[in-house]
């Protein structure tokens, strides 16, 4: 009974958050991507979002998967609201609804019980290529890197929380305590 109450409460909270995101009207869906690969959107929609919008691709267990333009300060819950909310079998424990988004991000909402697809990394662990993704790694995964202990791993997590996703491996240089030598030692073991 406890799990059912938690799931019901989670759905109520998500519904309220999705409703709030829709009422704020911050998302502008793009039209279908043509065969040539270029995106198109009506010019009046583009002017609504301005030049500071984020492009995010929402997939998985959502009502309307697609490419959306969100406000620069958008969070994951806003992206799900733009996609019409989640489907009933969405695994909301697998996503952090409060996480800030970054431009060019792809968001995949998995179904309950679904395994990671396409050789994707388990949350926080190394991917199929054996490299650790700086944007999803947890403390334990970061500590497996050469010369990265608990304190430095926490600084990497703190930097990611404050600044958003790493855009390149070189962004590690902005983390206090990481210099050129340390970066050279981990460069081939990490990715973004």
N, C-alpha and C. Protein backbone atom coordinates (compact mmCIF):
# COMPACT_ATOMS: atom_id res chain seq x y z
N UNK A 1 0.83 -1.19 0.00
CA UNK A 1 0.00 0.00 0.00
C UNK A 1 0.87 1.25 0.00
N UNK A 2 2.01 1.22 0.67
CA UNK A 2 2.90 2.38 0.74
C UNK A 2 3.42 2.80 -0.62
N UNK A 3 3.72 1.84 -1.48
CA UNK A 3 4.22 2.14 -2.83
C UNK A 3 3.11 2.80 -3.65
N UNK A 4 1.90 2.31 -3.54
CA UNK A 4 0.77 2.89 -4.27
C UNK A 4 0.52 4.33 -3.87
N UNK A 5 0.61 4.60 -2.57
CA UNK A 5 0.43 5.98 -2.09
C UNK A 5 1.54 6.87 -2.63
N UNK A 6 2.78 6.36 -2.62
CA UNK A 6 3.91 7.15 -3.12
C UNK A 6 3.76 7.43 -4.61
N UNK A 7 3.33 6.43 -5.38
CA UNK A 7 3.14 6.62 -6.82
C UNK A 7 2.03 7.63 -7.08
N UNK A 8 0.92 7.50 -6.34
CA UNK A 8 -0.20 8.44 -6.50
C UNK A 8 0.23 9.85 -6.14
N UNK A 9 0.94 10.01 -5.04
CA UNK A 9 1.43 11.32 -4.64
C UNK A 9 2.38 11.89 -5.68
N UNK A 10 3.25 11.04 -6.23
CA UNK A 10 4.18 11.48 -7.27
C UNK A 10 3.44 11.96 -8.50
N UNK A 11 2.39 11.23 -8.90
CA UNK A 11 1.62 11.64 -10.07
C UNK A 11 0.87 12.95 -9.83
N UNK A 12 0.37 13.15 -8.61
CA UNK A 12 -0.32 14.40 -8.30
C UNK A 12 0.66 15.57 -8.36
N UNK A 13 1.84 15.39 -7.77
CA UNK A 13 2.86 16.45 -7.79
C UNK A 13 3.29 16.73 -9.22
N UNK A 14 3.54 15.69 -10.00
CA UNK A 14 3.94 15.88 -11.39
C UNK A 14 2.85 16.58 -12.18
N UNK A 15 1.59 16.19 -11.97
CA UNK A 15 0.48 16.83 -12.68
C UNK A 15 0.41 18.31 -12.35
N UNK A 16 0.60 18.65 -11.08
CA UNK A 16 0.59 20.07 -10.69
C UNK A 16 1.75 20.80 -11.33
N UNK A 17 2.93 20.19 -11.33
CA UNK A 17 4.10 20.83 -11.93
C UNK A 17 3.93 20.98 -13.43
N UNK A 18 3.40 19.97 -14.08
CA UNK A 18 3.16 20.05 -15.53
C UNK A 18 2.14 21.13 -15.82
N UNK A 19 1.08 21.17 -15.04
CA UNK A 19 0.08 22.22 -15.22
C UNK A 19 0.66 23.60 -15.05
N UNK A 20 1.49 23.77 -14.05
CA UNK A 20 2.15 25.05 -13.81
C UNK A 20 3.05 25.41 -15.00
N UNK A 21 3.79 24.45 -15.51
CA UNK A 21 4.66 24.71 -16.67
C UNK A 21 3.85 25.10 -17.90
N UNK A 22 2.72 24.44 -18.09
CA UNK A 22 1.87 24.76 -19.24
C UNK A 22 1.28 26.15 -19.08
N UNK A 23 0.82 26.48 -17.86
CA UNK A 23 0.26 27.80 -17.62
C UNK A 23 1.30 28.90 -17.82
N UNK A 24 2.53 28.61 -17.46
CA UNK A 24 3.59 29.61 -17.66
C UNK A 24 3.87 29.80 -19.13
N UNK A 25 3.53 28.78 -19.94
CA UNK A 25 3.66 28.88 -21.39
C UNK A 25 5.07 29.13 -21.86
N UNK A 26 6.04 28.52 -21.19
CA UNK A 26 7.40 28.84 -21.54
C UNK A 26 7.98 27.99 -22.66
N UNK A 27 7.30 26.97 -23.08
CA UNK A 27 7.85 26.09 -24.10
C UNK A 27 7.22 26.38 -25.46
N UNK A 28 8.04 26.30 -26.47
CA UNK A 28 7.56 26.46 -27.84
C UNK A 28 8.00 25.23 -28.61
N UNK A 29 7.06 24.34 -29.00
CA UNK A 29 7.47 23.16 -29.75
C UNK A 29 7.89 23.55 -31.16
N UNK A 30 8.88 22.88 -31.66
CA UNK A 30 9.30 23.08 -33.04
C UNK A 30 8.50 22.14 -33.93
N UNK A 31 8.35 22.50 -35.18
CA UNK A 31 7.68 21.62 -36.12
C UNK A 31 8.59 20.43 -36.39
N UNK A 32 8.08 19.47 -37.11
CA UNK A 32 8.85 18.27 -37.43
C UNK A 32 10.15 18.63 -38.13
N UNK A 33 11.16 17.85 -37.89
CA UNK A 33 12.44 18.06 -38.54
C UNK A 33 12.37 17.50 -39.95
N UNK A 34 12.64 18.34 -40.96
CA UNK A 34 12.58 17.86 -42.34
C UNK A 34 13.66 16.83 -42.63
N UNK A 35 13.52 16.13 -43.75
CA UNK A 35 14.45 15.08 -44.13
C UNK A 35 15.88 15.59 -44.21
N UNK A 36 16.08 16.86 -44.58
CA UNK A 36 17.43 17.42 -44.69
C UNK A 36 18.10 17.61 -43.35
N UNK A 37 17.35 17.51 -42.26
CA UNK A 37 17.93 17.61 -40.93
C UNK A 37 17.83 18.98 -40.31
N UNK A 38 17.48 20.02 -41.07
CA UNK A 38 17.37 21.36 -40.50
C UNK A 38 16.04 21.48 -39.78
N UNK A 39 16.05 22.20 -38.66
CA UNK A 39 14.80 22.41 -37.95
C UNK A 39 14.12 23.65 -38.47
N UNK A 40 12.80 23.65 -38.37
CA UNK A 40 12.06 24.83 -38.78
C UNK A 40 11.01 25.13 -37.74
N UNK A 41 10.76 26.38 -37.54
CA UNK A 41 9.70 26.81 -36.65
C UNK A 41 9.15 28.10 -37.19
N UNK A 42 7.87 28.31 -37.04
CA UNK A 42 7.30 29.56 -37.51
C UNK A 42 7.99 30.74 -36.85
N UNK A 43 8.16 31.83 -37.59
CA UNK A 43 8.92 32.96 -37.07
C UNK A 43 8.26 33.60 -35.87
N UNK A 44 6.92 33.57 -35.76
CA UNK A 44 6.29 34.16 -34.60
C UNK A 44 6.57 33.34 -33.35
N UNK A 45 6.71 32.02 -33.47
CA UNK A 45 7.08 31.20 -32.32
C UNK A 45 8.51 31.47 -31.90
N UNK A 46 9.37 31.64 -32.86
CA UNK A 46 10.77 31.89 -32.52
C UNK A 46 10.92 33.19 -31.76
N UNK A 47 10.12 34.20 -32.12
CA UNK A 47 10.25 35.47 -31.43
C UNK A 47 9.75 35.38 -29.99
N UNK A 48 8.86 34.43 -29.70
CA UNK A 48 8.37 34.25 -28.34
C UNK A 48 9.50 33.80 -27.43
N UNK A 49 10.33 32.90 -27.92
CA UNK A 49 11.37 32.35 -27.07
C UNK A 49 12.57 33.26 -26.96
N UNK A 50 12.80 34.12 -27.94
CA UNK A 50 13.95 35.00 -27.89
C UNK A 50 15.22 34.24 -28.17
N UNK A 51 16.33 34.94 -28.12
CA UNK A 51 17.61 34.32 -28.44
C UNK A 51 18.23 33.62 -27.24
N UNK A 52 17.58 33.71 -26.06
CA UNK A 52 18.17 33.10 -24.87
C UNK A 52 17.54 31.77 -24.54
N UNK A 53 16.74 31.20 -25.46
CA UNK A 53 16.08 29.94 -25.19
C UNK A 53 17.01 28.75 -25.30
N UNK A 54 16.59 27.66 -24.67
CA UNK A 54 17.31 26.39 -24.73
C UNK A 54 16.56 25.45 -25.66
N UNK A 55 17.29 24.75 -26.50
CA UNK A 55 16.69 23.71 -27.33
C UNK A 55 16.89 22.39 -26.58
N UNK A 56 15.80 21.67 -26.31
CA UNK A 56 15.90 20.37 -25.67
C UNK A 56 15.07 19.36 -26.46
N UNK A 57 15.56 18.13 -26.52
CA UNK A 57 14.89 17.05 -27.22
C UNK A 57 14.34 16.10 -26.17
N UNK A 58 13.02 15.98 -26.10
CA UNK A 58 12.37 15.17 -25.08
C UNK A 58 11.85 13.89 -25.73
N UNK A 59 12.24 12.74 -25.18
CA UNK A 59 11.87 11.43 -25.71
C UNK A 59 11.39 10.52 -24.60
N UNK A 60 10.90 9.37 -24.99
CA UNK A 60 10.54 8.35 -24.02
C UNK A 60 9.07 8.42 -23.65
N UNK A 61 8.80 8.21 -22.39
CA UNK A 61 7.43 8.08 -21.89
C UNK A 61 6.79 9.45 -21.63
N UNK A 62 6.65 10.24 -22.70
CA UNK A 62 5.98 11.53 -22.64
C UNK A 62 4.87 11.56 -23.69
N UNK A 63 3.91 12.43 -23.49
CA UNK A 63 2.75 12.50 -24.38
C UNK A 63 3.12 12.92 -25.80
N UNK A 64 3.97 13.94 -25.92
CA UNK A 64 4.34 14.47 -27.25
C UNK A 64 5.85 14.60 -27.34
N UNK A 65 6.58 13.52 -27.64
CA UNK A 65 8.03 13.62 -27.79
C UNK A 65 8.37 14.62 -28.90
N UNK A 66 9.47 15.31 -28.72
CA UNK A 66 9.88 16.24 -29.76
C UNK A 66 10.93 17.22 -29.29
N UNK A 67 11.21 18.20 -30.14
CA UNK A 67 12.20 19.23 -29.88
C UNK A 67 11.45 20.48 -29.40
N UNK A 68 11.90 21.05 -28.28
CA UNK A 68 11.22 22.19 -27.68
C UNK A 68 12.22 23.30 -27.37
N UNK A 69 11.73 24.53 -27.41
CA UNK A 69 12.52 25.68 -26.99
C UNK A 69 11.97 26.12 -25.64
N UNK A 70 12.83 26.18 -24.64
CA UNK A 70 12.42 26.55 -23.28
C UNK A 70 13.18 27.79 -22.84
N UNK A 71 12.71 28.44 -21.78
CA UNK A 71 13.42 29.58 -21.22
C UNK A 71 14.79 29.15 -20.74
N UNK A 72 15.71 30.09 -20.68
CA UNK A 72 17.10 29.78 -20.31
C UNK A 72 17.21 29.20 -18.90
N UNK A 73 16.29 29.51 -18.01
CA UNK A 73 16.36 29.00 -16.64
C UNK A 73 15.45 27.79 -16.41
N UNK A 74 15.08 27.10 -17.48
CA UNK A 74 14.15 25.98 -17.39
C UNK A 74 14.73 24.80 -16.62
N UNK A 75 13.83 24.03 -16.04
CA UNK A 75 14.18 22.81 -15.32
C UNK A 75 13.54 21.63 -16.05
N UNK A 76 13.93 20.43 -15.65
CA UNK A 76 13.44 19.24 -16.33
C UNK A 76 11.92 19.16 -16.29
N UNK A 77 11.30 19.57 -15.21
CA UNK A 77 9.84 19.53 -15.12
C UNK A 77 9.22 20.41 -16.20
N UNK A 78 9.86 21.52 -16.57
CA UNK A 78 9.35 22.38 -17.62
C UNK A 78 9.39 21.69 -18.98
N UNK A 79 10.45 20.91 -19.22
CA UNK A 79 10.56 20.18 -20.48
C UNK A 79 9.46 19.11 -20.57
N UNK A 80 9.19 18.44 -19.46
CA UNK A 80 8.12 17.43 -19.46
C UNK A 80 6.76 18.08 -19.65
N UNK A 81 6.57 19.26 -19.08
CA UNK A 81 5.32 19.99 -19.28
C UNK A 81 5.17 20.38 -20.74
N UNK A 82 6.24 20.82 -21.36
CA UNK A 82 6.20 21.20 -22.78
C UNK A 82 5.82 20.01 -23.65
N UNK A 83 6.25 18.82 -23.24
CA UNK A 83 5.96 17.61 -24.00
C UNK A 83 4.59 17.02 -23.63
N UNK A 84 3.78 17.78 -22.94
CA UNK A 84 2.43 17.34 -22.61
C UNK A 84 2.33 16.46 -21.38
N UNK A 85 3.39 16.35 -20.61
CA UNK A 85 3.39 15.51 -19.42
C UNK A 85 3.89 14.11 -19.72
N UNK A 86 3.96 13.31 -18.69
CA UNK A 86 4.46 11.95 -18.84
C UNK A 86 3.31 10.97 -18.97
N UNK A 87 3.63 9.82 -19.54
CA UNK A 87 2.66 8.74 -19.65
C UNK A 87 2.56 8.02 -18.32
N UNK A 88 1.54 7.21 -18.17
CA UNK A 88 1.27 6.54 -16.90
C UNK A 88 2.41 5.62 -16.47
N UNK A 89 3.12 5.00 -17.42
CA UNK A 89 4.17 4.05 -17.06
C UNK A 89 5.56 4.70 -16.99
N UNK A 90 5.64 6.02 -16.94
CA UNK A 90 6.93 6.70 -16.85
C UNK A 90 7.56 6.47 -15.48
N UNK A 91 8.86 6.23 -15.48
CA UNK A 91 9.60 6.02 -14.23
C UNK A 91 10.13 7.37 -13.75
N UNK A 92 9.36 8.04 -12.90
CA UNK A 92 9.73 9.37 -12.43
C UNK A 92 10.86 9.33 -11.40
N UNK A 93 11.15 8.16 -10.86
CA UNK A 93 12.28 8.04 -9.95
C UNK A 93 13.60 8.04 -10.70
N UNK A 94 13.56 7.82 -12.00
CA UNK A 94 14.78 7.78 -12.81
C UNK A 94 15.20 9.16 -13.30
N UNK A 95 14.37 10.18 -13.07
CA UNK A 95 14.69 11.53 -13.52
C UNK A 95 14.58 12.50 -12.35
N UNK A 96 15.39 13.55 -12.38
CA UNK A 96 15.36 14.58 -11.36
C UNK A 96 14.56 15.75 -11.91
N UNK A 97 13.32 15.89 -11.50
CA UNK A 97 12.44 16.92 -12.04
C UNK A 97 12.92 18.33 -11.76
N UNK A 98 13.73 18.52 -10.73
CA UNK A 98 14.21 19.85 -10.37
C UNK A 98 15.51 20.24 -11.05
N UNK A 99 16.10 19.34 -11.83
CA UNK A 99 17.41 19.59 -12.44
C UNK A 99 17.34 20.69 -13.50
N UNK A 100 18.28 21.67 -13.42
CA UNK A 100 18.34 22.69 -14.48
C UNK A 100 18.76 22.05 -15.81
N UNK A 101 18.29 22.61 -16.91
CA UNK A 101 18.60 22.09 -18.23
C UNK A 101 19.68 22.92 -18.90
N UNK A 102 20.28 22.34 -19.93
CA UNK A 102 21.26 23.07 -20.72
C UNK A 102 20.92 22.93 -22.20
N UNK A 103 21.39 23.87 -23.00
CA UNK A 103 21.08 23.90 -24.41
C UNK A 103 21.60 22.65 -25.12
N UNK A 104 20.79 22.10 -26.00
CA UNK A 104 21.19 20.93 -26.78
C UNK A 104 21.03 19.61 -26.06
N UNK A 105 20.40 19.61 -24.93
CA UNK A 105 20.27 18.40 -24.13
C UNK A 105 19.17 17.48 -24.65
N UNK A 106 19.40 16.19 -24.52
CA UNK A 106 18.38 15.19 -24.85
C UNK A 106 17.91 14.58 -23.54
N UNK A 107 16.60 14.56 -23.35
CA UNK A 107 15.99 14.02 -22.13
C UNK A 107 15.21 12.79 -22.51
N UNK A 108 15.53 11.67 -21.87
CA UNK A 108 14.81 10.43 -22.13
C UNK A 108 14.15 10.00 -20.83
N UNK A 109 12.82 9.93 -20.84
CA UNK A 109 12.06 9.47 -19.68
C UNK A 109 11.79 7.99 -19.88
N UNK A 110 12.39 7.13 -19.05
CA UNK A 110 12.21 5.69 -19.25
C UNK A 110 10.89 5.18 -18.67
N UNK A 111 10.50 4.02 -19.11
CA UNK A 111 9.34 3.33 -18.55
C UNK A 111 9.77 2.63 -17.27
N UNK A 112 8.83 2.41 -16.38
CA UNK A 112 9.13 1.70 -15.14
C UNK A 112 9.69 0.32 -15.48
N UNK A 113 10.83 -0.04 -14.92
CA UNK A 113 11.45 -1.34 -15.14
C UNK A 113 12.27 -1.45 -16.40
N UNK A 114 12.36 -0.39 -17.19
CA UNK A 114 13.13 -0.45 -18.44
C UNK A 114 14.62 -0.44 -18.15
N UNK A 115 15.35 -1.21 -18.93
CA UNK A 115 16.80 -1.23 -18.84
C UNK A 115 17.36 -0.09 -19.66
N UNK A 116 18.54 0.45 -19.29
CA UNK A 116 19.15 1.46 -20.14
C UNK A 116 19.34 0.91 -21.55
N UNK A 117 19.06 1.72 -22.57
CA UNK A 117 19.11 1.24 -23.94
C UNK A 117 20.36 1.69 -24.66
N UNK A 118 20.66 1.01 -25.74
CA UNK A 118 21.73 1.41 -26.63
C UNK A 118 23.10 1.46 -26.01
N UNK A 119 23.37 0.60 -25.05
CA UNK A 119 24.69 0.61 -24.43
C UNK A 119 24.91 1.82 -23.55
N UNK A 120 23.83 2.44 -23.12
CA UNK A 120 23.96 3.61 -22.27
C UNK A 120 24.54 3.21 -20.92
N UNK A 121 25.12 4.17 -20.28
CA UNK A 121 25.71 3.92 -18.97
C UNK A 121 24.61 3.73 -17.94
N UNK A 122 24.87 2.89 -16.96
CA UNK A 122 24.01 2.85 -15.81
C UNK A 122 24.18 4.20 -15.13
N UNK A 123 23.16 4.71 -14.44
CA UNK A 123 23.30 6.03 -13.85
C UNK A 123 24.58 6.13 -13.02
N UNK A 124 25.45 7.04 -13.40
CA UNK A 124 26.68 7.29 -12.67
C UNK A 124 27.86 6.45 -13.08
N UNK A 125 27.65 5.33 -13.75
CA UNK A 125 28.76 4.43 -14.07
C UNK A 125 29.32 4.66 -15.45
N UNK A 126 30.36 3.91 -15.81
CA UNK A 126 30.95 4.05 -17.15
C UNK A 126 30.01 3.53 -18.22
N UNK A 127 30.11 4.14 -19.41
CA UNK A 127 29.28 3.73 -20.55
C UNK A 127 29.88 2.53 -21.25
N UNK A 128 29.29 2.18 -22.38
CA UNK A 128 29.74 1.04 -23.16
C UNK A 128 31.18 1.23 -23.63
N UNK A 129 31.60 2.50 -23.80
CA UNK A 129 32.96 2.78 -24.24
C UNK A 129 33.97 2.75 -23.08
N UNK A 130 33.49 2.48 -21.85
CA UNK A 130 34.36 2.43 -20.70
C UNK A 130 34.69 3.79 -20.10
N UNK A 131 34.17 4.85 -20.72
CA UNK A 131 34.44 6.20 -20.22
C UNK A 131 33.32 6.65 -19.29
N UNK A 132 33.68 7.51 -18.36
CA UNK A 132 32.71 8.05 -17.41
C UNK A 132 32.19 9.38 -17.95
N UNK A 133 30.87 9.50 -18.00
CA UNK A 133 30.23 10.73 -18.47
C UNK A 133 30.22 11.74 -17.32
N UNK A 134 30.89 12.87 -17.52
CA UNK A 134 30.99 13.88 -16.48
C UNK A 134 29.63 14.46 -16.10
N UNK A 135 28.65 14.36 -16.98
CA UNK A 135 27.34 14.94 -16.71
C UNK A 135 26.39 14.00 -15.98
N UNK A 136 26.73 12.72 -15.87
CA UNK A 136 25.86 11.79 -15.16
C UNK A 136 26.58 11.03 -14.05
N UNK A 137 27.89 11.18 -13.98
CA UNK A 137 28.68 10.41 -13.01
C UNK A 137 28.29 10.76 -11.58
N UNK A 138 28.27 9.74 -10.75
CA UNK A 138 28.07 9.97 -9.33
C UNK A 138 29.44 9.99 -8.64
N UNK A 139 29.44 10.22 -7.35
CA UNK A 139 30.68 10.35 -6.59
C UNK A 139 31.55 9.10 -6.72
N UNK A 140 30.94 7.94 -6.59
CA UNK A 140 31.70 6.68 -6.64
C UNK A 140 32.38 6.50 -8.00
N UNK A 141 31.68 6.83 -9.08
CA UNK A 141 32.27 6.70 -10.41
C UNK A 141 33.43 7.67 -10.59
N UNK A 142 33.28 8.88 -10.13
CA UNK A 142 34.36 9.87 -10.25
C UNK A 142 35.59 9.45 -9.47
N UNK A 143 35.39 8.81 -8.34
CA UNK A 143 36.52 8.37 -7.50
C UNK A 143 37.31 7.24 -8.14
N UNK A 144 36.78 6.61 -9.18
CA UNK A 144 37.55 5.56 -9.86
C UNK A 144 38.59 6.15 -10.81
N UNK A 145 38.50 7.45 -11.06
CA UNK A 145 39.45 8.11 -11.96
C UNK A 145 40.79 8.32 -11.25
N UNK A 146 41.90 8.31 -11.99
CA UNK A 146 43.21 8.51 -11.37
C UNK A 146 43.30 9.86 -10.67
N UNK A 147 43.81 9.84 -9.45
CA UNK A 147 44.08 11.04 -8.64
C UNK A 147 42.82 11.82 -8.27
N UNK A 148 41.65 11.19 -8.37
CA UNK A 148 40.40 11.84 -7.95
C UNK A 148 39.93 11.12 -6.69
N UNK A 149 40.02 11.82 -5.57
CA UNK A 149 39.55 11.28 -4.30
C UNK A 149 38.18 11.82 -3.96
N UNK A 150 37.69 11.52 -2.76
CA UNK A 150 36.35 11.96 -2.37
C UNK A 150 36.15 13.48 -2.42
N UNK A 151 37.14 14.23 -1.95
CA UNK A 151 36.99 15.70 -1.93
C UNK A 151 36.92 16.28 -3.34
N UNK A 152 37.79 15.83 -4.22
CA UNK A 152 37.81 16.34 -5.58
C UNK A 152 36.57 15.88 -6.36
N UNK A 153 36.15 14.66 -6.12
CA UNK A 153 34.92 14.17 -6.77
C UNK A 153 33.73 15.04 -6.34
N UNK A 154 33.68 15.40 -5.07
CA UNK A 154 32.59 16.25 -4.59
C UNK A 154 32.66 17.64 -5.22
N UNK A 155 33.88 18.16 -5.42
CA UNK A 155 34.01 19.47 -6.08
C UNK A 155 33.51 19.42 -7.52
N UNK A 156 33.74 18.30 -8.20
CA UNK A 156 33.24 18.14 -9.57
C UNK A 156 31.71 18.14 -9.56
N UNK A 157 31.12 17.40 -8.62
CA UNK A 157 29.66 17.37 -8.51
C UNK A 157 29.10 18.75 -8.16
N UNK A 158 29.78 19.45 -7.24
CA UNK A 158 29.34 20.79 -6.86
C UNK A 158 29.40 21.75 -8.05
N UNK A 159 30.50 21.66 -8.84
CA UNK A 159 30.63 22.53 -10.01
C UNK A 159 29.49 22.27 -11.00
N UNK A 160 29.19 20.99 -11.21
CA UNK A 160 28.12 20.61 -12.14
C UNK A 160 26.77 21.13 -11.64
N UNK A 161 26.55 21.06 -10.34
CA UNK A 161 25.29 21.54 -9.76
C UNK A 161 25.16 23.06 -9.92
N UNK A 162 26.24 23.78 -9.74
CA UNK A 162 26.21 25.24 -9.82
C UNK A 162 26.22 25.77 -11.25
N UNK A 163 26.89 25.08 -12.16
CA UNK A 163 27.11 25.59 -13.50
C UNK A 163 26.38 24.85 -14.60
N UNK A 164 25.73 23.76 -14.28
CA UNK A 164 25.04 22.97 -15.31
C UNK A 164 25.98 21.95 -15.92
N UNK A 165 25.59 21.42 -17.05
CA UNK A 165 26.32 20.34 -17.71
C UNK A 165 27.71 20.79 -18.15
N UNK A 166 28.63 19.84 -18.15
CA UNK A 166 29.93 20.05 -18.75
C UNK A 166 29.73 20.05 -20.26
N UNK A 167 30.27 21.02 -20.95
CA UNK A 167 30.14 21.08 -22.41
C UNK A 167 31.32 20.43 -23.10
N UNK A 168 32.45 20.35 -22.41
CA UNK A 168 33.63 19.66 -22.93
C UNK A 168 34.44 19.15 -21.75
N UNK A 169 35.32 18.21 -22.02
CA UNK A 169 36.19 17.68 -20.97
C UNK A 169 37.06 18.79 -20.40
N UNK A 170 37.44 19.76 -21.23
CA UNK A 170 38.28 20.86 -20.77
C UNK A 170 37.61 21.71 -19.70
N UNK A 171 36.29 21.64 -19.57
CA UNK A 171 35.59 22.37 -18.51
C UNK A 171 36.04 21.93 -17.13
N UNK A 172 36.65 20.76 -17.03
CA UNK A 172 37.17 20.30 -15.73
C UNK A 172 38.19 21.28 -15.16
N UNK A 173 38.85 22.04 -16.02
CA UNK A 173 39.84 23.01 -15.55
C UNK A 173 39.21 24.09 -14.68
N UNK A 174 37.91 24.29 -14.79
CA UNK A 174 37.22 25.29 -13.97
C UNK A 174 36.94 24.78 -12.56
N UNK A 175 37.10 23.49 -12.33
CA UNK A 175 36.86 22.90 -11.01
C UNK A 175 38.09 23.17 -10.14
N UNK A 176 37.88 23.77 -8.97
CA UNK A 176 39.02 24.04 -8.08
C UNK A 176 39.79 22.75 -7.76
N UNK A 177 41.11 22.80 -7.94
CA UNK A 177 41.95 21.65 -7.65
C UNK A 177 42.31 20.82 -8.87
N UNK A 178 41.74 21.14 -10.02
CA UNK A 178 42.08 20.39 -11.23
C UNK A 178 42.88 21.32 -12.15
N UNK A 179 44.09 20.87 -12.45
CA UNK A 179 44.96 21.62 -13.33
C UNK A 179 45.25 20.83 -14.60
N UNK A 180 46.17 21.35 -15.39
CA UNK A 180 46.50 20.73 -16.67
C UNK A 180 47.00 19.29 -16.52
N UNK A 181 47.84 19.04 -15.52
CA UNK A 181 48.41 17.69 -15.34
C UNK A 181 47.32 16.68 -14.99
N UNK A 182 46.46 17.05 -14.05
CA UNK A 182 45.40 16.13 -13.65
C UNK A 182 44.45 15.90 -14.81
N UNK A 183 44.11 16.96 -15.54
CA UNK A 183 43.24 16.82 -16.71
C UNK A 183 43.84 15.88 -17.74
N UNK A 184 45.13 16.00 -17.98
CA UNK A 184 45.80 15.11 -18.96
C UNK A 184 45.70 13.65 -18.51
N UNK A 185 45.71 13.41 -17.21
CA UNK A 185 45.64 12.05 -16.69
C UNK A 185 44.26 11.41 -16.78
N UNK A 186 43.23 12.23 -16.85
CA UNK A 186 41.86 11.67 -16.90
C UNK A 186 41.17 11.88 -18.24
N UNK A 187 41.76 12.68 -19.12
CA UNK A 187 41.13 13.06 -20.39
C UNK A 187 40.61 11.86 -21.17
N UNK A 188 41.38 10.78 -21.27
CA UNK A 188 40.98 9.61 -22.08
C UNK A 188 40.00 8.69 -21.34
N UNK A 189 39.71 9.02 -20.09
CA UNK A 189 38.82 8.16 -19.29
C UNK A 189 37.44 8.78 -19.07
N UNK A 190 37.24 10.02 -19.56
CA UNK A 190 35.98 10.71 -19.36
C UNK A 190 35.44 11.24 -20.68
N UNK A 191 34.15 11.56 -20.67
CA UNK A 191 33.50 12.18 -21.84
C UNK A 191 32.36 13.04 -21.33
N UNK A 192 31.78 13.82 -22.27
CA UNK A 192 30.60 14.62 -21.91
C UNK A 192 29.44 14.22 -22.81
